[in-house]
Amino acid sequence: MLAVGDIHLENFGTWRDGDGRLVWGVNDFDEAAVMPYAIDLVRLATSAALAEDVGKVSLSDICAGILDGYSKG
């Protein structure tokens, strides 16, 4: 499975597509490779846990949110 490989909070953003629509998503794929998807999920959870305002959200809630979003995606 193809994974981003370097997924963290700062690798999400917004930009305009070719039709001028505002889109949101991953904006850095330079380390994409075939690897287990779990690597991306763990890196994203780790970056959220290390974020400045981490005290406002528990690690359990961070992980639950990521898994929920991944499952729905």
Protein backbone atom coordinates (compact mmCIF):
# COMPACT_ATOMS: atom_id res chain seq x y z
CA MET A 1 0.00 0.00 0.00
CA LEU A 2 1.25 3.49 -0.79
CA ALA A 3 1.79 5.68 2.26
CA VAL A 4 2.74 9.34 2.63
CA GLY A 5 5.72 8.38 4.81
CA ASP A 6 6.16 11.82 6.38
CA ILE A 7 2.68 12.59 7.60
CA HIS A 8 2.39 15.09 10.44
CA LEU A 9 0.17 18.02 11.31
CA GLU A 10 2.18 20.52 9.30
CA ASN A 11 1.88 18.44 6.11
CA PHE A 12 -1.80 19.31 5.79
CA GLY A 13 -2.94 22.52 4.22
CA THR A 14 -5.07 24.29 1.66
CA TRP A 15 -4.38 25.32 -1.91
CA ARG A 16 -6.21 26.13 -5.14
CA ASP A 17 -6.62 23.34 -7.67
CA GLY A 18 -6.45 23.74 -11.44
CA ASP A 19 -10.04 24.99 -11.51
CA GLY A 20 -9.44 27.54 -8.74
CA ARG A 21 -11.33 25.56 -6.08
CA LEU A 22 -10.00 25.69 -2.54
CA VAL A 23 -9.01 22.17 -1.47
CA TRP A 24 -7.58 20.75 1.75
CA GLY A 25 -5.39 17.73 2.26
CA VAL A 26 -1.86 16.37 2.42
CA ASN A 27 0.56 18.77 0.73
CA ASP A 28 3.87 16.88 0.90
CA PHE A 29 4.40 13.57 -0.86
CA ASP A 30 8.17 13.61 -1.33
CA GLU A 31 8.65 10.58 0.94
CA ALA A 32 5.70 8.54 -0.35
CA ALA A 33 6.52 4.85 -0.69
CA VAL A 34 5.05 1.39 -0.43
CA MET A 35 4.89 0.71 3.31
CA PRO A 36 2.30 -0.24 5.94
CA TYR A 37 -0.40 2.41 6.40
CA ALA A 38 0.12 2.13 10.16
CA ILE A 39 3.34 4.14 9.80
CA ASP A 40 1.34 7.17 8.65
CA LEU A 41 -1.22 6.76 11.45
CA VAL A 42 1.45 6.49 14.16
CA ARG A 43 3.43 9.47 12.80
CA LEU A 44 0.29 11.61 12.64
CA ALA A 45 -0.74 10.65 16.18
CA THR A 46 2.78 11.37 17.43
CA SER A 47 2.85 14.82 15.84
CA ALA A 48 -0.54 15.63 17.37
CA ALA A 49 0.61 14.40 20.79
CA LEU A 50 3.69 16.64 20.58
CA ALA A 51 1.72 19.69 19.44
CA GLU A 52 1.83 22.77 21.65
CA ASP A 53 -1.77 22.51 22.85
CA VAL A 54 -1.65 18.76 23.52
CA GLY A 55 -2.90 19.20 27.09
CA LYS A 56 -6.30 20.13 25.71
CA VAL A 57 -6.81 16.76 23.98
CA SER A 58 -5.90 13.37 25.43
CA LEU A 59 -3.70 10.96 23.50
CA SER A 60 -6.60 8.50 23.58
CA ASP A 61 -8.89 11.06 21.91
CA ILE A 62 -6.20 11.91 19.33
CA CYS A 63 -5.80 8.26 18.37
CA ALA A 64 -9.56 7.64 18.34
CA GLY A 65 -10.09 10.63 16.05
CA ILE A 66 -7.39 9.53 13.63
CA LEU A 67 -8.70 5.96 13.49
CA ASP A 68 -12.27 7.19 13.02
CA GLY A 69 -11.24 9.52 10.19
CA TYR A 70 -9.13 6.84 8.54
CA SER A 71 -11.97 4.30 8.76
CA LYS A 72 -14.44 6.75 7.22
CA GLY A 73 -11.96 7.74 4.49
